[in-house]
Amino acid sequence: MPLTFAATGEVNTIKAVRGRNETVRFLESMGFVEGAAITVVSKLAGNLIVNVKDARVALNKDLASKIMI
């Protein structure tokens, strides 16, 4: 299921990153790799703030929907 459906505060594991090659490489460079633990810190209008690899990252709805948990 896409990251956009994750509950706030719940720890999940990234199963896959989908999208065009540039998008996948961009997300992987920020730490969104298969097997990494990810936690949604907050949601606002579909946009997310997540904690991945001890860093907080803001994602818009489109990028978050490409990350499968």
PDB file of N, CA and C in Angstrom:
ATOM      1  N   MET A   1       0.841  -1.171   0.000  1.00  0.00           N
ATOM      2  CA  MET A   1       0.000   0.000   0.000  1.00  0.00           C
ATOM      3  C   MET A   1       0.889   1.237   0.000  1.00  0.00           C
ATOM      4  N   PRO A   2       0.430   2.333  -0.564  1.00  0.00           N
ATOM      5  CA  PRO A   2       1.238   3.554  -0.621  1.00  0.00           C
ATOM      6  C   PRO A   2       1.430   4.174   0.768  1.00  0.00           C
ATOM      7  N   LEU A   3       2.497   4.910   0.917  1.00  0.00           N
ATOM      8  CA  LEU A   3       2.811   5.569   2.176  1.00  0.00           C
ATOM      9  C   LEU A   3       1.713   6.540   2.610  1.00  0.00           C
ATOM     10  N   THR A   4       0.964   7.067   1.668  1.00  0.00           N
ATOM     11  CA  THR A   4      -0.093   8.026   1.999  1.00  0.00           C
ATOM     12  C   THR A   4      -1.175   7.423   2.893  1.00  0.00           C
ATOM     13  N   PHE A   5      -1.284   6.092   2.936  1.00  0.00           N
ATOM     14  CA  PHE A   5      -2.287   5.423   3.770  1.00  0.00           C
ATOM     15  C   PHE A   5      -1.761   5.040   5.146  1.00  0.00           C
ATOM     16  N   ALA A   6      -0.509   5.329   5.443  1.00  0.00           N
ATOM     17  CA  ALA A   6       0.069   4.950   6.738  1.00  0.00           C
ATOM     18  C   ALA A   6      -0.487   5.831   7.848  1.00  0.00           C
ATOM     19  N   ALA A   7      -0.625   5.242   9.023  1.00  0.00           N
ATOM     20  CA  ALA A   7      -1.108   5.989  10.187  1.00  0.00           C
ATOM     21  C   ALA A   7       0.043   6.790  10.794  1.00  0.00           C
ATOM     22  N   THR A   8      -0.281   7.928  11.368  1.00  0.00           N
ATOM     23  CA  THR A   8       0.720   8.765  12.015  1.00  0.00           C
ATOM     24  C   THR A   8       1.291   8.053  13.231  1.00  0.00           C
ATOM     25  N   GLY A   9       2.621   8.049  13.351  1.00  0.00           N
ATOM     26  CA  GLY A   9       3.294   7.428  14.482  1.00  0.00           C
ATOM     27  C   GLY A   9       3.569   5.951  14.334  1.00  0.00           C
ATOM     28  N   GLU A  10       3.058   5.331  13.311  1.00  0.00           N
ATOM     29  CA  GLU A  10       3.233   3.891  13.087  1.00  0.00           C
ATOM     30  C   GLU A  10       4.533   3.643  12.318  1.00  0.00           C
ATOM     31  N   VAL A  11       5.342   2.702  12.790  1.00  0.00           N
ATOM     32  CA  VAL A  11       6.586   2.361  12.100  1.00  0.00           C
ATOM     33  C   VAL A  11       6.278   1.343  11.010  1.00  0.00           C
ATOM     34  N   ASN A  12       6.702   1.643   9.790  1.00  0.00           N
ATOM     35  CA  ASN A  12       6.498   0.753   8.639  1.00  0.00           C
ATOM     36  C   ASN A  12       7.835   0.474   7.971  1.00  0.00           C
ATOM     37  N   THR A  13       7.842  -0.510   7.091  1.00  0.00           N
ATOM     38  CA  THR A  13       9.033  -0.845   6.314  1.00  0.00           C
ATOM     39  C   THR A  13       8.759  -0.578   4.846  1.00  0.00           C
ATOM     40  N   ILE A  14       9.708   0.048   4.182  1.00  0.00           N
ATOM     41  CA  ILE A  14       9.551   0.335   2.751  1.00  0.00           C
ATOM     42  C   ILE A  14       9.713  -0.964   1.977  1.00  0.00           C
ATOM     43  N   LYS A  15       8.703  -1.307   1.181  1.00  0.00           N
ATOM     44  CA  LYS A  15       8.737  -2.528   0.372  1.00  0.00           C
ATOM     45  C   LYS A  15       9.264  -2.251  -1.036  1.00  0.00           C
ATOM     46  N   ALA A  16       8.929  -1.078  -1.589  1.00  0.00           N
ATOM     47  CA  ALA A  16       9.363  -0.739  -2.952  1.00  0.00           C
ATOM     48  C   ALA A  16       9.217   0.762  -3.163  1.00  0.00           C
ATOM     49  N   VAL A  17       9.980   1.272  -4.109  1.00  0.00           N
ATOM     50  CA  VAL A  17       9.857   2.661  -4.549  1.00  0.00           C
ATOM     51  C   VAL A  17       9.560   2.604  -6.038  1.00  0.00           C
ATOM     52  N   ARG A  18       8.452   3.208  -6.435  1.00  0.00           N
ATOM     53  CA  ARG A  18       8.011   3.133  -7.833  1.00  0.00           C
ATOM     54  C   ARG A  18       8.085   4.493  -8.491  1.00  0.00           C
ATOM     55  N   GLY A  19       8.003   4.486  -9.805  1.00  0.00           N
ATOM     56  CA  GLY A  19       8.006   5.738 -10.559  1.00  0.00           C
ATOM     57  C   GLY A  19       9.054   5.708 -11.645  1.00  0.00           C
ATOM     58  N   ARG A  20       9.260   6.879 -12.248  1.00  0.00           N
ATOM     59  CA  ARG A  20      10.279   6.981 -13.294  1.00  0.00           C
ATOM     60  C   ARG A  20      11.663   6.842 -12.667  1.00  0.00           C
ATOM     61  N   ASN A  21      12.644   6.521 -13.502  1.00  0.00           N
ATOM     62  CA  ASN A  21      14.002   6.304 -12.993  1.00  0.00           C
ATOM     63  C   ASN A  21      14.533   7.490 -12.201  1.00  0.00           C
ATOM     64  N   GLU A  22      14.277   8.718 -12.692  1.00  0.00           N
ATOM     65  CA  GLU A  22      14.775   9.908 -11.988  1.00  0.00           C
ATOM     66  C   GLU A  22      14.133  10.023 -10.609  1.00  0.00           C
ATOM     67  N   THR A  23      12.845   9.718 -10.526  1.00  0.00           N
ATOM     68  CA  THR A  23      12.125   9.811  -9.256  1.00  0.00           C
ATOM     69  C   THR A  23      12.649   8.777  -8.270  1.00  0.00           C
ATOM     70  N   VAL A  24      12.840   7.565  -8.737  1.00  0.00           N
ATOM     71  CA  VAL A  24      13.341   6.491  -7.870  1.00  0.00           C
ATOM     72  C   VAL A  24      14.736   6.840  -7.360  1.00  0.00           C
ATOM     73  N   ARG A  25      15.610   7.306  -8.227  1.00  0.00           N
ATOM     74  CA  ARG A  25      16.966   7.676  -7.809  1.00  0.00           C
ATOM     75  C   ARG A  25      16.955   8.827  -6.808  1.00  0.00           C
ATOM     76  N   PHE A  26      16.076   9.811  -7.039  1.00  0.00           N
ATOM     77  CA  PHE A  26      15.963  10.950  -6.134  1.00  0.00           C
ATOM     78  C   PHE A  26      15.538  10.498  -4.737  1.00  0.00           C
ATOM     79  N   LEU A  27      14.497   9.653  -4.671  1.00  0.00           N
ATOM     80  CA  LEU A  27      14.015   9.165  -3.382  1.00  0.00           C
ATOM     81  C   LEU A  27      15.058   8.282  -2.693  1.00  0.00           C
ATOM     82  N   GLU A  28      15.728   7.440  -3.459  1.00  0.00           N
ATOM     83  CA  GLU A  28      16.753   6.573  -2.875  1.00  0.00           C
ATOM     84  C   GLU A  28      17.924   7.384  -2.332  1.00  0.00           C
ATOM     85  N   SER A  29      18.250   8.499  -2.975  1.00  0.00           N
ATOM     86  CA  SER A  29      19.347   9.336  -2.495  1.00  0.00           C
ATOM     87  C   SER A  29      19.006  10.007  -1.165  1.00  0.00           C
ATOM     88  N   MET A  30      17.719  10.129  -0.864  1.00  0.00           N
ATOM     89  CA  MET A  30      17.287  10.720   0.407  1.00  0.00           C
ATOM     90  C   MET A  30      17.068   9.664   1.483  1.00  0.00           C
ATOM     91  N   GLY A  31      17.319   8.394   1.180  1.00  0.00           N
ATOM     92  CA  GLY A  31      17.208   7.341   2.181  1.00  0.00           C
ATOM     93  C   GLY A  31      15.988   6.459   2.057  1.00  0.00           C
ATOM     94  N   PHE A  32      15.149   6.701   1.056  1.00  0.00           N
ATOM     95  CA  PHE A  32      13.948   5.881   0.861  1.00  0.00           C
ATOM     96  C   PHE A  32      14.318   4.655   0.033  1.00  0.00           C
ATOM     97  N   VAL A  33      14.911   3.675   0.710  1.00  0.00           N
ATOM     98  CA  VAL A  33      15.349   2.449   0.051  1.00  0.00           C
ATOM     99  C   VAL A  33      14.565   1.271   0.603  1.00  0.00           C
ATOM    100  N   GLU A  34      14.498   0.217  -0.167  1.00  0.00           N
ATOM    101  CA  GLU A  34      13.785  -0.996   0.224  1.00  0.00           C
ATOM    102  C   GLU A  34      14.349  -1.538   1.536  1.00  0.00           C
ATOM    103  N   GLY A  35      13.469  -1.831   2.486  1.00  0.00           N
ATOM    104  CA  GLY A  35      13.878  -2.383   3.766  1.00  0.00           C
ATOM    105  C   GLY A  35      14.088  -1.353   4.862  1.00  0.00           C
ATOM    106  N   ALA A  36      14.081  -0.077   4.529  1.00  0.00           N
ATOM    107  CA  ALA A  36      14.283   0.970   5.527  1.00  0.00           C
ATOM    108  C   ALA A  36      13.018   1.174   6.354  1.00  0.00           C
ATOM    109  N   ALA A  37      13.204   1.490   7.632  1.00  0.00           N
ATOM    110  CA  ALA A  37      12.067   1.795   8.508  1.00  0.00           C
ATOM    111  C   ALA A  37      11.642   3.242   8.270  1.00  0.00           C
ATOM    112  N   ILE A  38      10.337   3.478   8.238  1.00  0.00           N
ATOM    113  CA  ILE A  38       9.806   4.814   7.984  1.00  0.00           C
ATOM    114  C   ILE A  38       8.616   5.056   8.905  1.00  0.00           C
ATOM    115  N   THR A  39       8.555   6.266   9.466  1.00  0.00           N
ATOM    116  CA  THR A  39       7.476   6.652  10.367  1.00  0.00           C
ATOM    117  C   THR A  39       6.884   7.963   9.891  1.00  0.00           C
ATOM    118  N   VAL A  40       5.562   8.024   9.801  1.00  0.00           N
ATOM    119  CA  VAL A  40       4.888   9.272   9.449  1.00  0.00           C
ATOM    120  C   VAL A  40       4.788  10.117  10.716  1.00  0.00           C
ATOM    121  N   VAL A  41       5.388  11.311  10.681  1.00  0.00           N
ATOM    122  CA  VAL A  41       5.371  12.207  11.830  1.00  0.00           C
ATOM    123  C   VAL A  41       4.095  13.034  11.825  1.00  0.00           C
ATOM    124  N   SER A  42       3.741  13.581  10.651  1.00  0.00           N
ATOM    125  CA  SER A  42       2.493  14.354  10.557  1.00  0.00           C
ATOM    126  C   SER A  42       1.980  14.371   9.129  1.00  0.00           C
ATOM    127  N   LYS A  43       0.677  14.640   9.011  1.00  0.00           N
ATOM    128  CA  LYS A  43       0.007  14.746   7.714  1.00  0.00           C
ATOM    129  C   LYS A  43      -0.729  16.072   7.669  1.00  0.00           C
ATOM    130  N   LEU A  44      -0.660  16.741   6.523  1.00  0.00           N
ATOM    131  CA  LEU A  44      -1.392  17.985   6.340  1.00  0.00           C
ATOM    132  C   LEU A  44      -1.772  18.107   4.872  1.00  0.00           C
ATOM    133  N   ALA A  45      -3.038  18.019   4.584  1.00  0.00           N
ATOM    134  CA  ALA A  45      -3.572  18.145   3.222  1.00  0.00           C
ATOM    135  C   ALA A  45      -2.939  17.147   2.258  1.00  0.00           C
ATOM    136  N   GLY A  46      -2.667  15.942   2.741  1.00  0.00           N
ATOM    137  CA  GLY A  46      -2.085  14.914   1.882  1.00  0.00           C
ATOM    138  C   GLY A  46      -0.578  14.930   1.842  1.00  0.00           C
ATOM    139  N   ASN A  47       0.051  16.015   2.285  1.00  0.00           N
ATOM    140  CA  ASN A  47       1.507  16.091   2.351  1.00  0.00           C
ATOM    141  C   ASN A  47       1.975  15.497   3.674  1.00  0.00           C
ATOM    142  N   LEU A  48       3.153  14.886   3.662  1.00  0.00           N
ATOM    143  CA  LEU A  48       3.632  14.162   4.836  1.00  0.00           C
ATOM    144  C   LEU A  48       4.985  14.672   5.311  1.00  0.00           C
ATOM    145  N   ILE A  49       5.195  14.583   6.603  1.00  0.00           N
ATOM    146  CA  ILE A  49       6.530  14.708   7.178  1.00  0.00           C
ATOM    147  C   ILE A  49       6.840  13.334   7.738  1.00  0.00           C
ATOM    148  N   VAL A  50       7.942  12.754   7.283  1.00  0.00           N
ATOM    149  CA  VAL A  50       8.291  11.391   7.685  1.00  0.00           C
ATOM    150  C   VAL A  50       9.670  11.363   8.318  1.00  0.00           C
ATOM    151  N   ASN A  51       9.899  10.340   9.107  1.00  0.00           N
ATOM    152  CA  ASN A  51      11.194  10.104   9.710  1.00  0.00           C
ATOM    153  C   ASN A  51      11.764   8.851   9.061  1.00  0.00           C
ATOM    154  N   VAL A  52      12.869   9.013   8.347  1.00  0.00           N
ATOM    155  CA  VAL A  52      13.525   7.875   7.696  1.00  0.00           C
ATOM    156  C   VAL A  52      15.029   8.011   7.921  1.00  0.00           C
ATOM    157  N   LYS A  53      15.654   6.948   8.411  1.00  0.00           N
ATOM    158  CA  LYS A  53      17.091   6.930   8.693  1.00  0.00           C
ATOM    159  C   LYS A  53      17.510   8.113   9.553  1.00  0.00           C
ATOM    160  N   ASP A  54      16.792   8.340  10.641  1.00  0.00           N
ATOM    161  CA  ASP A  54      17.071   9.410  11.611  1.00  0.00           C
ATOM    162  C   ASP A  54      17.072  10.811  11.005  1.00  0.00           C
ATOM    163  N   ALA A  55      16.313  11.006   9.951  1.00  0.00           N
ATOM    164  CA  ALA A  55      16.165  12.331   9.342  1.00  0.00           C
ATOM    165  C   ALA A  55      14.687  12.577   9.064  1.00  0.00           C
ATOM    166  N   ARG A  56      14.258  13.808   9.238  1.00  0.00           N
ATOM    167  CA  ARG A  56      12.878  14.172   8.906  1.00  0.00           C
ATOM    168  C   ARG A  56      12.859  14.779   7.513  1.00  0.00           C
ATOM    169  N   VAL A  57      11.917  14.284   6.715  1.00  0.00           N
ATOM    170  CA  VAL A  57      11.804  14.714   5.325  1.00  0.00           C
ATOM    171  C   VAL A  57      10.346  15.028   5.031  1.00  0.00           C
ATOM    172  N   ALA A  58      10.123  16.134   4.341  1.00  0.00           N
ATOM    173  CA  ALA A  58       8.771  16.490   3.911  1.00  0.00           C
ATOM    174  C   ALA A  58       8.558  15.971   2.498  1.00  0.00           C
ATOM    175  N   LEU A  59       7.421  15.330   2.272  1.00  0.00           N
ATOM    176  CA  LEU A  59       7.081  14.784   0.963  1.00  0.00           C
ATOM    177  C   LEU A  59       5.718  15.295   0.536  1.00  0.00           C
ATOM    178  N   ASN A  60       5.592  15.639  -0.737  1.00  0.00           N
ATOM    179  CA  ASN A  60       4.261  15.986  -1.223  1.00  0.00           C
ATOM    180  C   ASN A  60       3.492  14.699  -1.510  1.00  0.00           C
ATOM    181  N   LYS A  61       2.208  14.854  -1.755  1.00  0.00           N
ATOM    182  CA  LYS A  61       1.319  13.709  -1.951  1.00  0.00           C
ATOM    183  C   LYS A  61       1.782  12.815  -3.099  1.00  0.00           C
ATOM    184  N   ASP A  62       2.271  13.411  -4.206  1.00  0.00           N
ATOM    185  CA  ASP A  62       2.689  12.631  -5.368  1.00  0.00           C
ATOM    186  C   ASP A  62       3.885  11.748  -5.061  1.00  0.00           C
ATOM    187  N   LEU A  63       4.911  12.303  -4.389  1.00  0.00           N
ATOM    188  CA  LEU A  63       6.088  11.496  -4.057  1.00  0.00           C
ATOM    189  C   LEU A  63       5.743  10.428  -3.028  1.00  0.00           C
ATOM    190  N   ALA A  64       4.933  10.772  -2.049  1.00  0.00           N
ATOM    191  CA  ALA A  64       4.569   9.797  -1.018  1.00  0.00           C
ATOM    192  C   ALA A  64       3.796   8.613  -1.607  1.00  0.00           C
ATOM    193  N   SER A  65       3.031   8.852  -2.644  1.00  0.00           N
ATOM    194  CA  SER A  65       2.250   7.765  -3.248  1.00  0.00           C
ATOM    195  C   SER A  65       3.125   6.790  -4.030  1.00  0.00           C
ATOM    196  N   LYS A  66       4.362   7.141  -4.312  1.00  0.00           N
ATOM    197  CA  LYS A  66       5.284   6.269  -5.039  1.00  0.00           C
ATOM    198  C   LYS A  66       6.066   5.339  -4.111  1.00  0.00           C
ATOM    199  N   ILE A  67       5.963   5.568  -2.794  1.00  0.00           N
ATOM    200  CA  ILE A  67       6.658   4.746  -1.821  1.00  0.00           C
ATOM    201  C   ILE A  67       5.674   3.719  -1.275  1.00  0.00           C
ATOM    202  N   MET A  68       5.987   2.443  -1.475  1.00  0.00           N
ATOM    203  CA  MET A  68       5.108   1.352  -1.039  1.00  0.00           C
ATOM    204  C   MET A  68       5.606   0.782   0.283  1.00  0.00           C
ATOM    205  N   ILE A  69       4.653   0.575   1.205  1.00  0.00           N
ATOM    206  CA  ILE A  69       5.016   0.012   2.515  1.00  0.00           C
ATOM    207  C   ILE A  69       4.299  -1.313   2.722  1.00  0.00           C
TER     208      ILE A  69
END
